[in-house]
């Protein structure tokens, strides 16, 4: 499964994806000093105009109105201050137009007409899917859940190419997990076939590629994806457990028989090479049968001592 993204357009839209532009803004502390100076000048003009109005018959209305306008301008300039924490960004939007993204942490100042509430976290996020009940490749109902570690890489795409990138990640992650579960068998695949239970690393890599292909539209990068829960559905769990137990018993019996045959062969060869006893084919077959019963039996064998001769 190879992830491929056509960068000329956003997937499924035919429109070019939004492109992030990292910009710099004014130093917040410098602009704070400017705003404080404007406030002081405003206060000084107000006081001076009031004093002139008291001392003279004519009130300096022009100076008074000018000081009020300067105060309003200082208040407007003060609203342009904002702070950014590490791994946090702010998207600058002026009257509906995207002007860039600020990613440098600290105290900043920007045009006060930029829209508010457009901060985006660039930190890693964990999302755990619910336990989903789906059919695997062979049609067996299974329960599966996964955890996805993701973060925003392109703030412009996250902001403008999807409605809500958090909800988009949730929905697409669930869809990717369902698609993954239906693409592989739970276990007992064909020769060299990847299964959900036996090939955890390969399945996790495929899930990560599938998620990255789906979430690239939202400017999201997937750092890790892994299955956290995998089991047969309750209605077939008992039947599958009995099958697994039978398979384990068969595998164990195969090893026991293989080992028993090797031990019998070694015993007969050793007896013959040392010339301990000479056995014809019938007695050899009887010995082989007895030894296999002893070595392959589930319970302890009670020996029978023959005090007579082997031959009638």
C-alpha atoms as a PDB file:
ATOM      1  CA  UNK A   1       0.000   0.000   0.000  1.00  0.00           C
ATOM      2  CA  UNK A   2       1.766   3.127  -1.181  1.00  0.00           C
ATOM      3  CA  UNK A   3       0.672   6.601  -0.152  1.00  0.00           C
ATOM      4  CA  UNK A   4       0.647   9.067  -3.058  1.00  0.00           C
ATOM      5  CA  UNK A   5      -0.463  12.672  -2.922  1.00  0.00           C
ATOM      6  CA  UNK A   6      -0.916  14.917  -5.931  1.00  0.00           C
ATOM      7  CA  UNK A   7       0.294  18.268  -4.641  1.00  0.00           C
ATOM      8  CA  UNK A   8      -1.334  20.115  -7.538  1.00  0.00           C
ATOM      9  CA  UNK A   9      -4.765  19.827  -5.954  1.00  0.00           C
ATOM     10  CA  UNK A  10      -6.407  18.906  -2.684  1.00  0.00           C
ATOM     11  CA  UNK A  11      -7.570  15.260  -2.682  1.00  0.00           C
ATOM     12  CA  UNK A  12     -11.171  14.853  -3.727  1.00  0.00           C
ATOM     13  CA  UNK A  13     -11.761  18.555  -4.480  1.00  0.00           C
ATOM     14  CA  UNK A  14      -9.958  19.390  -7.700  1.00  0.00           C
ATOM     15  CA  UNK A  15      -8.871  22.665  -6.067  1.00  0.00           C
ATOM     16  CA  UNK A  16      -5.251  23.549  -5.276  1.00  0.00           C
ATOM     17  CA  UNK A  17      -4.473  23.062  -1.576  1.00  0.00           C
ATOM     18  CA  UNK A  18      -3.868  26.091   0.583  1.00  0.00           C
ATOM     19  CA  UNK A  19      -0.196  26.878   1.067  1.00  0.00           C
ATOM     20  CA  UNK A  20       1.196  27.983   4.387  1.00  0.00           C
ATOM     21  CA  UNK A  21       3.271  31.183   4.499  1.00  0.00           C
ATOM     22  CA  UNK A  22       5.317  31.779   7.613  1.00  0.00           C
ATOM     23  CA  UNK A  23       5.558  35.506   8.357  1.00  0.00           C
ATOM     24  CA  UNK A  24       7.144  37.710  11.013  1.00  0.00           C
ATOM     25  CA  UNK A  25       5.354  40.403  12.962  1.00  0.00           C
ATOM     26  CA  UNK A  26       6.442  43.325  15.129  1.00  0.00           C
ATOM     27  CA  UNK A  27       8.006  42.866  18.531  1.00  0.00           C
ATOM     28  CA  UNK A  28       5.304  43.075  21.177  1.00  0.00           C
ATOM     29  CA  UNK A  29       7.445  44.836  23.773  1.00  0.00           C
ATOM     30  CA  UNK A  30       8.465  47.608  21.353  1.00  0.00           C
ATOM     31  CA  UNK A  31       4.877  48.213  20.312  1.00  0.00           C
ATOM     32  CA  UNK A  32       3.824  48.142  23.974  1.00  0.00           C
ATOM     33  CA  UNK A  33       6.216  51.030  24.637  1.00  0.00           C
ATOM     34  CA  UNK A  34       4.763  52.903  21.653  1.00  0.00           C
ATOM     35  CA  UNK A  35       1.208  52.344  22.904  1.00  0.00           C
ATOM     36  CA  UNK A  36       2.114  53.492  26.405  1.00  0.00           C
ATOM     37  CA  UNK A  37       3.672  56.645  24.920  1.00  0.00           C
ATOM     38  CA  UNK A  38       0.499  57.306  22.910  1.00  0.00           C
ATOM     39  CA  UNK A  39      -1.587  56.918  26.062  1.00  0.00           C
ATOM     40  CA  UNK A  40       0.608  59.371  27.946  1.00  0.00           C
ATOM     41  CA  UNK A  41       0.375  61.903  25.098  1.00  0.00           C
ATOM     42  CA  UNK A  42      -3.409  61.451  25.078  1.00  0.00           C
ATOM     43  CA  UNK A  43      -3.639  62.114  28.803  1.00  0.00           C
ATOM     44  CA  UNK A  44      -1.350  65.148  28.517  1.00  0.00           C
ATOM     45  CA  UNK A  45      -3.445  66.660  25.688  1.00  0.00           C
ATOM     46  CA  UNK A  46      -6.677  66.079  27.602  1.00  0.00           C
ATOM     47  CA  UNK A  47      -5.319  67.740  30.721  1.00  0.00           C
ATOM     48  CA  UNK A  48      -3.873  70.621  28.717  1.00  0.00           C
ATOM     49  CA  UNK A  49      -7.118  71.219  26.805  1.00  0.00           C
ATOM     50  CA  UNK A  50      -9.152  71.197  30.012  1.00  0.00           C
ATOM     51  CA  UNK A  51      -6.789  73.679  31.677  1.00  0.00           C
ATOM     52  CA  UNK A  52      -6.911  75.957  28.637  1.00  0.00           C
ATOM     53  CA  UNK A  53     -10.713  75.825  28.699  1.00  0.00           C
ATOM     54  CA  UNK A  54     -10.749  76.841  32.354  1.00  0.00           C
ATOM     55  CA  UNK A  55      -8.294  79.740  31.924  1.00  0.00           C
ATOM     56  CA  UNK A  56      -9.757  81.067  28.684  1.00  0.00           C
ATOM     57  CA  UNK A  57     -13.269  81.893  27.594  1.00  0.00           C
ATOM     58  CA  UNK A  58     -12.890  79.778  24.437  1.00  0.00           C
ATOM     59  CA  UNK A  59     -12.626  76.000  24.971  1.00  0.00           C
ATOM     60  CA  UNK A  60     -10.032  74.319  22.620  1.00  0.00           C
ATOM     61  CA  UNK A  61     -12.491  71.874  21.107  1.00  0.00           C
ATOM     62  CA  UNK A  62     -10.091  70.836  18.330  1.00  0.00           C
ATOM     63  CA  UNK A  63      -7.375  69.814  20.795  1.00  0.00           C
ATOM     64  CA  UNK A  64      -9.890  67.980  22.953  1.00  0.00           C
ATOM     65  CA  UNK A  65     -11.370  66.001  20.063  1.00  0.00           C
ATOM     66  CA  UNK A  66      -7.863  65.269  18.735  1.00  0.00           C
ATOM     67  CA  UNK A  67      -6.814  63.875  22.126  1.00  0.00           C
ATOM     68  CA  UNK A  68      -9.905  61.657  22.195  1.00  0.00           C
ATOM     69  CA  UNK A  69      -9.159  60.364  18.699  1.00  0.00           C
ATOM     70  CA  UNK A  70      -5.545  59.736  19.670  1.00  0.00           C
ATOM     71  CA  UNK A  71      -6.738  57.812  22.736  1.00  0.00           C
ATOM     72  CA  UNK A  72      -9.067  55.706  20.601  1.00  0.00           C
ATOM     73  CA  UNK A  73      -6.192  55.009  18.209  1.00  0.00           C
ATOM     74  CA  UNK A  74      -3.960  53.964  21.119  1.00  0.00           C
ATOM     75  CA  UNK A  75      -6.665  51.619  22.385  1.00  0.00           C
ATOM     76  CA  UNK A  76      -7.044  50.101  18.920  1.00  0.00           C
ATOM     77  CA  UNK A  77      -3.286  49.613  18.630  1.00  0.00           C
ATOM     78  CA  UNK A  78      -3.201  47.912  22.029  1.00  0.00           C
ATOM     79  CA  UNK A  79      -5.616  45.227  20.807  1.00  0.00           C
ATOM     80  CA  UNK A  80      -2.976  44.004  18.350  1.00  0.00           C
ATOM     81  CA  UNK A  81      -0.863  42.362  21.066  1.00  0.00           C
ATOM     82  CA  UNK A  82      -0.852  38.568  21.363  1.00  0.00           C
ATOM     83  CA  UNK A  83       1.351  35.824  22.767  1.00  0.00           C
ATOM     84  CA  UNK A  84       2.359  32.430  21.400  1.00  0.00           C
ATOM     85  CA  UNK A  85       3.603  29.482  23.418  1.00  0.00           C
ATOM     86  CA  UNK A  86       6.149  26.992  22.041  1.00  0.00           C
ATOM     87  CA  UNK A  87       4.625  24.735  19.346  1.00  0.00           C
ATOM     88  CA  UNK A  88       1.751  27.138  18.817  1.00  0.00           C
ATOM     89  CA  UNK A  89       0.871  29.168  15.716  1.00  0.00           C
ATOM     90  CA  UNK A  90      -1.511  31.965  14.805  1.00  0.00           C
ATOM     91  CA  UNK A  91      -3.138  32.309  11.412  1.00  0.00           C
ATOM     92  CA  UNK A  92      -3.462  35.940  10.275  1.00  0.00           C
ATOM     93  CA  UNK A  93      -6.712  36.650   8.405  1.00  0.00           C
ATOM     94  CA  UNK A  94      -7.574  40.193   7.313  1.00  0.00           C
ATOM     95  CA  UNK A  95     -11.143  40.707   6.073  1.00  0.00           C
ATOM     96  CA  UNK A  96     -11.336  37.097   4.853  1.00  0.00           C
ATOM     97  CA  UNK A  97      -7.919  37.013   3.160  1.00  0.00           C
ATOM     98  CA  UNK A  98      -5.110  34.799   4.419  1.00  0.00           C
ATOM     99  CA  UNK A  99      -1.943  36.819   5.089  1.00  0.00           C
ATOM    100  CA  UNK A 100       0.330  34.247   6.734  1.00  0.00           C
ATOM    101  CA  UNK A 101       1.102  32.256   9.845  1.00  0.00           C
ATOM    102  CA  UNK A 102       3.186  33.266  12.849  1.00  0.00           C
ATOM    103  CA  UNK A 103       5.024  30.337  14.442  1.00  0.00           C
ATOM    104  CA  UNK A 104       7.655  32.026  16.605  1.00  0.00           C
ATOM    105  CA  UNK A 105       6.826  31.897  20.300  1.00  0.00           C
ATOM    106  CA  UNK A 106       6.866  35.055  22.405  1.00  0.00           C
ATOM    107  CA  UNK A 107       5.095  38.413  22.760  1.00  0.00           C
ATOM    108  CA  UNK A 108       4.059  39.881  19.387  1.00  0.00           C
ATOM    109  CA  UNK A 109       2.064  42.683  17.824  1.00  0.00           C
ATOM    110  CA  UNK A 110       0.179  42.544  14.549  1.00  0.00           C
ATOM    111  CA  UNK A 111      -2.462  44.522  12.736  1.00  0.00           C
ATOM    112  CA  UNK A 112      -5.371  44.784  15.198  1.00  0.00           C
ATOM    113  CA  UNK A 113      -7.840  44.136  12.360  1.00  0.00           C
ATOM    114  CA  UNK A 114      -6.583  40.567  11.989  1.00  0.00           C
ATOM    115  CA  UNK A 115      -9.272  38.132  13.037  1.00  0.00           C
ATOM    116  CA  UNK A 116      -9.160  36.747  16.582  1.00  0.00           C
ATOM    117  CA  UNK A 117      -9.281  33.169  17.816  1.00  0.00           C
ATOM    118  CA  UNK A 118      -7.171  31.657  15.014  1.00  0.00           C
ATOM    119  CA  UNK A 119      -4.476  30.008  17.133  1.00  0.00           C
ATOM    120  CA  UNK A 120      -3.543  26.438  16.163  1.00  0.00           C
ATOM    121  CA  UNK A 121      -1.602  24.000  18.313  1.00  0.00           C
ATOM    122  CA  UNK A 122       1.375  22.317  16.613  1.00  0.00           C
ATOM    123  CA  UNK A 123       1.841  19.830  19.437  1.00  0.00           C
ATOM    124  CA  UNK A 124       1.408  16.089  19.061  1.00  0.00           C
ATOM    125  CA  UNK A 125      -2.108  14.780  19.689  1.00  0.00           C
ATOM    126  CA  UNK A 126      -3.276  11.305  20.694  1.00  0.00           C
ATOM    127  CA  UNK A 127      -6.504   9.903  19.332  1.00  0.00           C
ATOM    128  CA  UNK A 128      -7.871   6.482  20.272  1.00  0.00           C
ATOM    129  CA  UNK A 129     -10.634   5.025  18.144  1.00  0.00           C
ATOM    130  CA  UNK A 130     -13.578   3.233  19.666  1.00  0.00           C
ATOM    131  CA  UNK A 131     -13.715  -0.564  19.527  1.00  0.00           C
ATOM    132  CA  UNK A 132     -15.064  -1.132  16.051  1.00  0.00           C
ATOM    133  CA  UNK A 133     -16.852  -4.310  15.007  1.00  0.00           C
ATOM    134  CA  UNK A 134     -15.977  -5.172  11.394  1.00  0.00           C
ATOM    135  CA  UNK A 135     -15.477  -8.222   9.195  1.00  0.00           C
ATOM    136  CA  UNK A 136     -11.934  -9.200   8.319  1.00  0.00           C
ATOM    137  CA  UNK A 137     -10.773 -10.319   4.884  1.00  0.00           C
ATOM    138  CA  UNK A 138     -12.279 -13.802   5.394  1.00  0.00           C
ATOM    139  CA  UNK A 139     -15.599 -12.454   6.638  1.00  0.00           C
ATOM    140  CA  UNK A 140     -15.063 -13.231  10.331  1.00  0.00           C
ATOM    141  CA  UNK A 141     -16.434 -10.545  12.683  1.00  0.00           C
ATOM    142  CA  UNK A 142     -13.689  -8.996  14.798  1.00  0.00           C
ATOM    143  CA  UNK A 143     -13.262  -6.127  17.221  1.00  0.00           C
ATOM    144  CA  UNK A 144     -10.454  -3.670  16.511  1.00  0.00           C
ATOM    145  CA  UNK A 145      -9.227  -0.345  17.908  1.00  0.00           C
ATOM    146  CA  UNK A 146      -6.171   1.791  17.232  1.00  0.00           C
ATOM    147  CA  UNK A 147      -4.281   4.804  18.577  1.00  0.00           C
ATOM    148  CA  UNK A 148      -3.084   7.577  16.266  1.00  0.00           C
ATOM    149  CA  UNK A 149      -0.395  10.145  17.107  1.00  0.00           C
ATOM    150  CA  UNK A 150      -0.724  13.198  14.861  1.00  0.00           C
ATOM    151  CA  UNK A 151       0.050  16.891  14.674  1.00  0.00           C
ATOM    152  CA  UNK A 152      -0.681  19.824  12.395  1.00  0.00           C
ATOM    153  CA  UNK A 153       2.057  20.429   9.829  1.00  0.00           C
ATOM    154  CA  UNK A 154       0.426  22.930   7.470  1.00  0.00           C
ATOM    155  CA  UNK A 155      -1.738  25.480   9.296  1.00  0.00           C
ATOM    156  CA  UNK A 156      -3.239  26.885   6.097  1.00  0.00           C
ATOM    157  CA  UNK A 157      -4.589  23.502   4.991  1.00  0.00           C
ATOM    158  CA  UNK A 158      -5.859  22.716   8.496  1.00  0.00           C
ATOM    159  CA  UNK A 159      -7.640  26.072   8.636  1.00  0.00           C
ATOM    160  CA  UNK A 160      -9.060  26.447   5.138  1.00  0.00           C
ATOM    161  CA  UNK A 161      -9.214  23.042   3.379  1.00  0.00           C
ATOM    162  CA  UNK A 162     -11.415  21.255   5.953  1.00  0.00           C
ATOM    163  CA  UNK A 163     -14.254  22.473   8.136  1.00  0.00           C
ATOM    164  CA  UNK A 164     -12.926  21.152  11.468  1.00  0.00           C
ATOM    165  CA  UNK A 165      -9.580  19.374  11.342  1.00  0.00           C
ATOM    166  CA  UNK A 166     -10.062  17.701  14.743  1.00  0.00           C
ATOM    167  CA  UNK A 167     -13.337  16.122  13.654  1.00  0.00           C
ATOM    168  CA  UNK A 168     -11.785  15.313  10.277  1.00  0.00           C
ATOM    169  CA  UNK A 169      -8.993  13.357  11.968  1.00  0.00           C
ATOM    170  CA  UNK A 170     -11.519  11.452  14.101  1.00  0.00           C
ATOM    171  CA  UNK A 171     -13.742  10.417  11.207  1.00  0.00           C
ATOM    172  CA  UNK A 172     -10.937   9.555   8.791  1.00  0.00           C
ATOM    173  CA  UNK A 173      -9.074   7.552  11.441  1.00  0.00           C
ATOM    174  CA  UNK A 174     -12.139   5.395  12.049  1.00  0.00           C
ATOM    175  CA  UNK A 175     -12.587   4.912   8.299  1.00  0.00           C
ATOM    176  CA  UNK A 176      -8.927   3.933   7.884  1.00  0.00           C
ATOM    177  CA  UNK A 177      -9.121   1.367  10.691  1.00  0.00           C
ATOM    178  CA  UNK A 178     -12.259  -0.181   9.167  1.00  0.00           C
ATOM    179  CA  UNK A 179     -10.585  -0.379   5.761  1.00  0.00           C
ATOM    180  CA  UNK A 180      -7.477  -1.948   7.288  1.00  0.00           C
ATOM    181  CA  UNK A 181      -9.468  -4.609   9.150  1.00  0.00           C
ATOM    182  CA  UNK A 182     -11.324  -5.622   5.996  1.00  0.00           C
ATOM    183  CA  UNK A 183      -8.084  -5.839   3.982  1.00  0.00           C
ATOM    184  CA  UNK A 184      -6.344  -8.489   6.128  1.00  0.00           C
ATOM    185  CA  UNK A 185      -7.308 -11.740   7.775  1.00  0.00           C
ATOM    186  CA  UNK A 186      -7.287 -11.970  11.559  1.00  0.00           C
ATOM    187  CA  UNK A 187      -4.991 -15.002  11.449  1.00  0.00           C
ATOM    188  CA  UNK A 188      -4.501 -18.258   9.539  1.00  0.00           C
ATOM    189  CA  UNK A 189      -3.608 -16.559   6.287  1.00  0.00           C
ATOM    190  CA  UNK A 190      -2.103 -18.203   3.271  1.00  0.00           C
ATOM    191  CA  UNK A 191       1.627 -18.773   2.954  1.00  0.00           C
ATOM    192  CA  UNK A 192       3.563 -15.492   3.451  1.00  0.00           C
ATOM    193  CA  UNK A 193       0.256 -13.607   3.855  1.00  0.00           C
ATOM    194  CA  UNK A 194       0.203 -10.673   6.290  1.00  0.00           C
ATOM    195  CA  UNK A 195      -2.356 -11.105   9.090  1.00  0.00           C
ATOM    196  CA  UNK A 196      -3.584  -8.711  11.738  1.00  0.00           C
ATOM    197  CA  UNK A 197      -2.443 -10.829  14.679  1.00  0.00           C
ATOM    198  CA  UNK A 198       0.863 -12.181  13.431  1.00  0.00           C
ATOM    199  CA  UNK A 199       2.312  -9.156  11.605  1.00  0.00           C
ATOM    200  CA  UNK A 200       1.795  -6.240  13.975  1.00  0.00           C
ATOM    201  CA  UNK A 201       4.650  -4.087  12.622  1.00  0.00           C
ATOM    202  CA  UNK A 202       3.666  -4.503   8.961  1.00  0.00           C
ATOM    203  CA  UNK A 203       0.010  -3.800   9.747  1.00  0.00           C
ATOM    204  CA  UNK A 204       0.958  -0.689  11.744  1.00  0.00           C
ATOM    205  CA  UNK A 205       3.030   0.600   8.813  1.00  0.00           C
ATOM    206  CA  UNK A 206       0.126   0.059   6.427  1.00  0.00           C
ATOM    207  CA  UNK A 207      -2.259   1.831   8.811  1.00  0.00           C
ATOM    208  CA  UNK A 208       0.108   4.800   9.074  1.00  0.00           C
ATOM    209  CA  UNK A 209       0.366   5.093   5.280  1.00  0.00           C
ATOM    210  CA  UNK A 210      -3.405   4.850   4.897  1.00  0.00           C
ATOM    211  CA  UNK A 211      -3.970   7.552   7.510  1.00  0.00           C
ATOM    212  CA  UNK A 212      -1.334   9.845   6.018  1.00  0.00           C
ATOM    213  CA  UNK A 213      -2.980   9.571   2.611  1.00  0.00           C
ATOM    214  CA  UNK A 214      -6.360  10.474   4.087  1.00  0.00           C
ATOM    215  CA  UNK A 215      -5.205  13.255   6.444  1.00  0.00           C
ATOM    216  CA  UNK A 216      -2.795  15.013   4.061  1.00  0.00           C
ATOM    217  CA  UNK A 217      -5.717  17.147   2.881  1.00  0.00           C
ATOM    218  CA  UNK A 218      -6.021  18.663   6.364  1.00  0.00           C
ATOM    219  CA  UNK A 219      -2.314  19.473   6.644  1.00  0.00           C
ATOM    220  CA  UNK A 220      -1.886  16.771   9.288  1.00  0.00           C
ATOM    221  CA  UNK A 221       1.151  14.496   9.572  1.00  0.00           C
ATOM    222  CA  UNK A 222       0.775  11.070  11.209  1.00  0.00           C
ATOM    223  CA  UNK A 223       3.713  10.261  13.480  1.00  0.00           C
ATOM    224  CA  UNK A 224       2.550   6.846  14.672  1.00  0.00           C
ATOM    225  CA  UNK A 225      -0.416   4.529  14.293  1.00  0.00           C
ATOM    226  CA  UNK A 226      -0.794   1.182  16.016  1.00  0.00           C
ATOM    227  CA  UNK A 227      -3.536  -1.324  16.833  1.00  0.00           C
ATOM    228  CA  UNK A 228      -4.356  -1.343  20.540  1.00  0.00           C
ATOM    229  CA  UNK A 229      -7.196  -3.903  20.627  1.00  0.00           C
ATOM    230  CA  UNK A 230      -7.760  -6.938  18.430  1.00  0.00           C
ATOM    231  CA  UNK A 231     -10.112  -9.817  19.193  1.00  0.00           C
ATOM    232  CA  UNK A 232     -12.805 -11.953  17.660  1.00  0.00           C
ATOM    233  CA  UNK A 233     -16.362 -10.735  18.136  1.00  0.00           C
ATOM    234  CA  UNK A 234     -18.124 -12.308  21.157  1.00  0.00           C
ATOM    235  CA  UNK A 235     -20.488 -14.418  19.025  1.00  0.00           C
ATOM    236  CA  UNK A 236     -17.620 -16.422  17.505  1.00  0.00           C
ATOM    237  CA  UNK A 237     -14.977 -16.041  20.200  1.00  0.00           C
ATOM    238  CA  UNK A 238     -15.687 -19.448  21.813  1.00  0.00           C
ATOM    239  CA  UNK A 239     -15.630 -21.271  18.477  1.00  0.00           C
ATOM    240  CA  UNK A 240     -12.366 -19.583  17.494  1.00  0.00           C
ATOM    241  CA  UNK A 241     -10.885 -20.429  20.905  1.00  0.00           C
ATOM    242  CA  UNK A 242     -11.708 -24.105  20.435  1.00  0.00           C
ATOM    243  CA  UNK A 243     -10.155 -24.020  16.981  1.00  0.00           C
ATOM    244  CA  UNK A 244      -6.989 -22.435  18.343  1.00  0.00           C
ATOM    245  CA  UNK A 245      -6.827 -25.052  21.108  1.00  0.00           C
ATOM    246  CA  UNK A 246      -7.249 -27.854  18.566  1.00  0.00           C
ATOM    247  CA  UNK A 247      -4.512 -26.379  16.398  1.00  0.00           C
ATOM    248  CA  UNK A 248      -2.222 -26.127  19.418  1.00  0.00           C
ATOM    249  CA  UNK A 249      -2.892 -29.757  20.349  1.00  0.00           C
ATOM    250  CA  UNK A 250      -2.193 -30.895  16.783  1.00  0.00           C
ATOM    251  CA  UNK A 251       1.049 -28.947  16.665  1.00  0.00           C
ATOM    252  CA  UNK A 252       2.127 -30.383  20.019  1.00  0.00           C
ATOM    253  CA  UNK A 253       1.241 -33.947  18.910  1.00  0.00           C
ATOM    254  CA  UNK A 254       3.283 -33.524  15.756  1.00  0.00           C
ATOM    255  CA  UNK A 255       6.343 -32.573  17.777  1.00  0.00           C
ATOM    256  CA  UNK A 256       5.784 -35.440  20.234  1.00  0.00           C
ATOM    257  CA  UNK A 257       5.448 -38.030  17.466  1.00  0.00           C
ATOM    258  CA  UNK A 258       8.465 -36.689  15.613  1.00  0.00           C
ATOM    259  CA  UNK A 259      10.537 -36.854  18.789  1.00  0.00           C
ATOM    260  CA  UNK A 260       9.238 -40.333  19.699  1.00  0.00           C
ATOM    261  CA  UNK A 261      10.085 -41.760  16.273  1.00  0.00           C
ATOM    262  CA  UNK A 262      13.583 -40.324  16.535  1.00  0.00           C
ATOM    263  CA  UNK A 263      14.049 -41.848  20.007  1.00  0.00           C
ATOM    264  CA  UNK A 264      12.782 -45.288  18.891  1.00  0.00           C
ATOM    265  CA  UNK A 265      15.088 -45.234  15.877  1.00  0.00           C
ATOM    266  CA  UNK A 266      18.016 -44.288  18.081  1.00  0.00           C
ATOM    267  CA  UNK A 267      17.187 -47.059  20.599  1.00  0.00           C
ATOM    268  CA  UNK A 268      16.934 -49.779  17.939  1.00  0.00           C
ATOM    269  CA  UNK A 269      20.141 -48.667  16.237  1.00  0.00           C
ATOM    270  CA  UNK A 270      21.950 -48.564  19.561  1.00  0.00           C
ATOM    271  CA  UNK A 271      20.762 -52.070  20.494  1.00  0.00           C
ATOM    272  CA  UNK A 272      21.816 -53.429  17.127  1.00  0.00           C
ATOM    273  CA  UNK A 273      25.226 -51.733  17.110  1.00  0.00           C
ATOM    274  CA  UNK A 274      26.053 -53.010  20.599  1.00  0.00           C
ATOM    275  CA  UNK A 275      24.641 -56.464  19.852  1.00  0.00           C
ATOM    276  CA  UNK A 276      22.629 -56.431  23.053  1.00  0.00           C
ATOM    277  CA  UNK A 277      19.790 -58.456  21.584  1.00  0.00           C
ATOM    278  CA  UNK A 278      18.910 -59.763  18.150  1.00  0.00           C
ATOM    279  CA  UNK A 279      15.326 -59.048  17.154  1.00  0.00           C
ATOM    280  CA  UNK A 280      13.445 -60.368  14.179  1.00  0.00           C
ATOM    281  CA  UNK A 281      10.954 -58.177  12.294  1.00  0.00           C
ATOM    282  CA  UNK A 282       7.989 -59.239  14.422  1.00  0.00           C
ATOM    283  CA  UNK A 283       9.744 -58.542  17.745  1.00  0.00           C
ATOM    284  CA  UNK A 284      11.135 -55.298  16.350  1.00  0.00           C
ATOM    285  CA  UNK A 285       7.621 -54.188  15.374  1.00  0.00           C
ATOM    286  CA  UNK A 286       6.334 -55.066  18.850  1.00  0.00           C
ATOM    287  CA  UNK A 287       9.112 -53.068  20.492  1.00  0.00           C
ATOM    288  CA  UNK A 288       8.462 -50.106  18.249  1.00  0.00           C
ATOM    289  CA  UNK A 289       4.754 -50.230  19.091  1.00  0.00           C
ATOM    290  CA  UNK A 290       5.423 -50.437  22.843  1.00  0.00           C
ATOM    291  CA  UNK A 291       7.957 -47.608  22.789  1.00  0.00           C
ATOM    292  CA  UNK A 292       5.632 -45.332  20.800  1.00  0.00           C
ATOM    293  CA  UNK A 293       2.809 -46.033  23.260  1.00  0.00           C
ATOM    294  CA  UNK A 294       5.066 -45.134  26.160  1.00  0.00           C
ATOM    295  CA  UNK A 295       6.492 -41.998  24.557  1.00  0.00           C
ATOM    296  CA  UNK A 296       3.284 -40.661  22.999  1.00  0.00           C
ATOM    297  CA  UNK A 297       0.776 -41.533  25.714  1.00  0.00           C
ATOM    298  CA  UNK A 298      -1.031 -38.839  27.701  1.00  0.00           C
ATOM    299  CA  UNK A 299      -0.801 -40.785  30.981  1.00  0.00           C
ATOM    300  CA  UNK A 300       1.937 -42.696  32.684  1.00  0.00           C
ATOM    301  CA  UNK A 301       2.371 -46.259  31.451  1.00  0.00           C
ATOM    302  CA  UNK A 302       2.385 -49.151  33.922  1.00  0.00           C
ATOM    303  CA  UNK A 303       5.219 -51.499  32.983  1.00  0.00           C
ATOM    304  CA  UNK A 304       4.649 -55.249  32.742  1.00  0.00           C
ATOM    305  CA  UNK A 305       7.665 -57.388  33.590  1.00  0.00           C
ATOM    306  CA  UNK A 306       8.070 -60.494  31.476  1.00  0.00           C
ATOM    307  CA  UNK A 307       9.968 -63.161  33.464  1.00  0.00           C
ATOM    308  CA  UNK A 308       9.821 -65.695  30.703  1.00  0.00           C
ATOM    309  CA  UNK A 309      11.402 -65.895  27.281  1.00  0.00           C
ATOM    310  CA  UNK A 310      10.658 -63.612  24.370  1.00  0.00           C
ATOM    311  CA  UNK A 311       9.978 -66.605  22.167  1.00  0.00           C
ATOM    312  CA  UNK A 312       7.344 -69.315  22.750  1.00  0.00           C
END
